[in-house]
C-alpha atoms as a PDB file:
ATOM      1  CA  MET A   1     -73.245 112.017  30.478  1.00  0.00           C
ATOM      2  CA  THR A   2     -76.599 113.495  31.342  1.00  0.00           C
ATOM      3  CA  THR A   3     -77.396 115.567  34.389  1.00  0.00           C
ATOM      4  CA  GLU A   4     -80.461 115.173  36.451  1.00  0.00           C
ATOM      5  CA  THR A   5     -82.273 118.302  37.601  1.00  0.00           C
ATOM      6  CA  ASN A   6     -85.074 119.114  39.957  1.00  0.00           C
ATOM      7  CA  PRO A   7     -87.890 121.526  39.252  1.00  0.00           C
ATOM      8  CA  GLY A   8     -85.725 124.471  40.226  1.00  0.00           C
ATOM      9  CA  ASN A   9     -83.275 123.491  37.471  1.00  0.00           C
ATOM     10  CA  GLN A  10     -80.609 122.674  40.060  1.00  0.00           C
ATOM     11  CA  THR A  11     -78.270 119.886  39.088  1.00  0.00           C
ATOM     12  CA  ASN A  12     -77.922 117.024  41.602  1.00  0.00           C
ATOM     13  CA  THR A  13     -74.998 115.264  39.969  1.00  0.00           C
ATOM     14  CA  GLY A  14     -71.345 115.975  40.128  1.00  0.00           C
ATOM     15  CA  ALA A  15     -68.858 116.738  42.841  1.00  0.00           C
ATOM     16  CA  ASP A  16     -70.108 120.281  43.481  1.00  0.00           C
ATOM     17  CA  ALA A  17     -73.870 119.613  43.506  1.00  0.00           C
ATOM     18  CA  VAL A  18     -74.188 119.280  47.269  1.00  0.00           C
ATOM     19  CA  ASP A  19     -72.060 122.396  47.952  1.00  0.00           C
ATOM     20  CA  GLU A  20     -74.158 124.372  45.494  1.00  0.00           C
ATOM     21  CA  ALA A  21     -77.386 123.193  47.145  1.00  0.00           C
ATOM     22  CA  ILE A  22     -76.059 124.077  50.580  1.00  0.00           C
ATOM     23  CA  ALA A  23     -75.011 127.521  49.384  1.00  0.00           C
ATOM     24  CA  ARG A  24     -78.575 128.030  48.105  1.00  0.00           C
ATOM     25  CA  GLY A  25     -80.082 126.556  51.253  1.00  0.00           C
ATOM     26  CA  ILE A  26     -82.331 124.406  49.072  1.00  0.00           C
ATOM     27  CA  ASP A  27     -82.374 120.581  48.944  1.00  0.00           C
ATOM     28  CA  PHE A  28     -82.517 118.724  45.625  1.00  0.00           C
ATOM     29  CA  ASP A  29     -86.252 118.171  46.029  1.00  0.00           C
ATOM     30  CA  GLY A  30     -86.777 122.019  46.198  1.00  0.00           C
ATOM     31  CA  SER A  31     -87.416 122.113  49.954  1.00  0.00           C
ATOM     32  CA  PRO A  32     -85.532 124.543  52.099  1.00  0.00           C
ATOM     33  CA  ILE A  33     -82.733 123.147  54.289  1.00  0.00           C
ATOM     34  CA  PRO A  34     -83.627 123.961  57.953  1.00  0.00           C
ATOM     35  CA  PRO A  35     -81.590 126.868  59.388  1.00  0.00           C
ATOM     36  CA  ALA A  36     -80.360 124.784  62.311  1.00  0.00           C
ATOM     37  CA  LYS A  37     -78.882 122.206  59.924  1.00  0.00           C
ATOM     38  CA  LEU A  38     -77.225 124.919  57.823  1.00  0.00           C
ATOM     39  CA  GLU A  39     -75.811 126.681  60.917  1.00  0.00           C
ATOM     40  CA  LEU A  40     -74.321 123.447  62.263  1.00  0.00           C
ATOM     41  CA  TYR A  41     -72.883 122.522  58.913  1.00  0.00           C
ATOM     42  CA  ARG A  42     -71.284 125.891  58.474  1.00  0.00           C
ATOM     43  CA  LYS A  43     -69.891 125.817  61.997  1.00  0.00           C
ATOM     44  CA  VAL A  44     -68.233 122.460  61.457  1.00  0.00           C
ATOM     45  CA  MET A  45     -66.963 123.371  57.975  1.00  0.00           C
ATOM     46  CA  GLY A  46     -65.488 126.559  59.478  1.00  0.00           C
ATOM     47  CA  LEU A  47     -63.612 124.465  62.018  1.00  0.00           C
ATOM     48  CA  GLU A  48     -62.385 122.155  59.260  1.00  0.00           C
ATOM     49  CA  GLY A  49     -61.335 125.168  57.167  1.00  0.00           C
ATOM     50  CA  ASN A  50     -58.992 126.240  59.924  1.00  0.00           C
ATOM     51  CA  ARG A  51     -57.397 122.793  60.405  1.00  0.00           C
ATOM     52  CA  GLN A  52     -53.726 122.378  59.490  1.00  0.00           C
ATOM     53  CA  ARG A  53     -53.342 120.160  56.466  1.00  0.00           C
ATOM     54  CA  SER A  54     -50.872 117.264  56.209  1.00  0.00           C
ATOM     55  CA  GLY A  55     -50.275 117.683  52.466  1.00  0.00           C
ATOM     56  CA  VAL A  56     -52.037 117.527  49.159  1.00  0.00           C
ATOM     57  CA  SER A  57     -51.115 113.913  48.415  1.00  0.00           C
ATOM     58  CA  ASN A  58     -52.430 112.753  51.800  1.00  0.00           C
ATOM     59  CA  THR A  59     -55.680 114.559  51.203  1.00  0.00           C
ATOM     60  CA  MET A  60     -55.959 113.220  47.670  1.00  0.00           C
ATOM     61  CA  ARG A  61     -55.450 109.626  48.904  1.00  0.00           C
ATOM     62  CA  SER A  62     -58.051 110.113  51.684  1.00  0.00           C
ATOM     63  CA  ARG A  63     -60.580 111.357  49.158  1.00  0.00           C
ATOM     64  CA  ILE A  64     -59.786 108.556  46.700  1.00  0.00           C
ATOM     65  CA  VAL A  65     -60.277 105.934  49.455  1.00  0.00           C
ATOM     66  CA  ARG A  66     -63.454 107.501  50.888  1.00  0.00           C
ATOM     67  CA  ILE A  67     -65.175 107.986  47.555  1.00  0.00           C
ATOM     68  CA  GLY A  68     -63.535 105.094  45.687  1.00  0.00           C
ATOM     69  CA  ALA A  69     -64.733 102.584  48.258  1.00  0.00           C
ATOM     70  CA  LYS A  70     -68.359 103.421  47.306  1.00  0.00           C
ATOM     71  CA  HIS A  71     -67.720 102.559  43.667  1.00  0.00           C
ATOM     72  CA  ILE A  72     -64.687 100.254  43.353  1.00  0.00           C
ATOM     73  CA  PRO A  73     -64.197  96.787  44.790  1.00  0.00           C
ATOM     74  CA  GLN A  74     -61.555  96.519  47.545  1.00  0.00           C
ATOM     75  CA  ALA A  75     -58.883  94.570  45.616  1.00  0.00           C
ATOM     76  CA  GLU A  76     -59.228  96.894  42.585  1.00  0.00           C
ATOM     77  CA  LEU A  77     -59.016 100.035  44.660  1.00  0.00           C
ATOM     78  CA  ASP A  78     -55.969  98.693  46.492  1.00  0.00           C
ATOM     79  CA  GLN A  79     -54.260  97.949  43.170  1.00  0.00           C
ATOM     80  CA  LEU A  80     -55.191 101.352  41.777  1.00  0.00           C
ATOM     81  CA  LEU A  81     -53.673 103.053  44.814  1.00  0.00           C
ATOM     82  CA  THR A  82     -50.513 101.031  44.536  1.00  0.00           C
ATOM     83  CA  ASP A  83     -50.265 101.647  40.787  1.00  0.00           C
ATOM     84  CA  ALA A  84     -50.551 105.401  41.360  1.00  0.00           C
ATOM     85  CA  ASP A  85     -47.759 105.240  43.999  1.00  0.00           C
ATOM     86  CA  PHE A  86     -50.098 105.767  46.921  1.00  0.00           C
ATOM     87  CA  ALA A  87     -49.979 103.665  50.052  1.00  0.00           C
ATOM     88  CA  PRO A  88     -52.233 100.596  49.788  1.00  0.00           C
ATOM     89  CA  LEU A  89     -55.392 100.326  51.785  1.00  0.00           C
ATOM     90  CA  LYS A  90     -54.809 100.129  55.488  1.00  0.00           C
ATOM     91  CA  GLU A  91     -56.460  97.477  57.653  1.00  0.00           C
ATOM     92  CA  LYS A  92     -58.631 100.111  59.449  1.00  0.00           C
ATOM     93  CA  GLU A  93     -59.785 101.491  56.030  1.00  0.00           C
ATOM     94  CA  ILE A  94     -60.664  97.998  54.809  1.00  0.00           C
ATOM     95  CA  ALA A  95     -62.606  97.318  58.014  1.00  0.00           C
ATOM     96  CA  PHE A  96     -64.452 100.663  57.888  1.00  0.00           C
ATOM     97  CA  TYR A  97     -65.269 100.892  54.179  1.00  0.00           C
ATOM     98  CA  TYR A  98     -65.497  97.232  53.230  1.00  0.00           C
ATOM     99  CA  GLY A  99     -66.158  95.406  56.544  1.00  0.00           C
ATOM    100  CA  GLY A 100     -69.925  95.285  56.185  1.00  0.00           C
ATOM    101  CA  LYS A 101     -69.944  94.156  52.541  1.00  0.00           C
END
């Protein structure tokens, strides 16, 4: 797999690319991220960081659904979840992630 880079040699592929760009305060096109946007992002992420978690499996499933819905058809994702012993897609998830497709 190849990685794409911008002129600053910053990778813009992979799961950590956005976090790395935010930490640098530089967008993929090389432009600075406005301070107000960084401040709000950091504030909200700080709140999220203090939130009590419901468990690793629940978080894994949520991430699989949120990201998988962008790449995997509904029926296939539902079957993959079931095969991995996760709960199948919920009606509200189907409506949210697949309703407009």
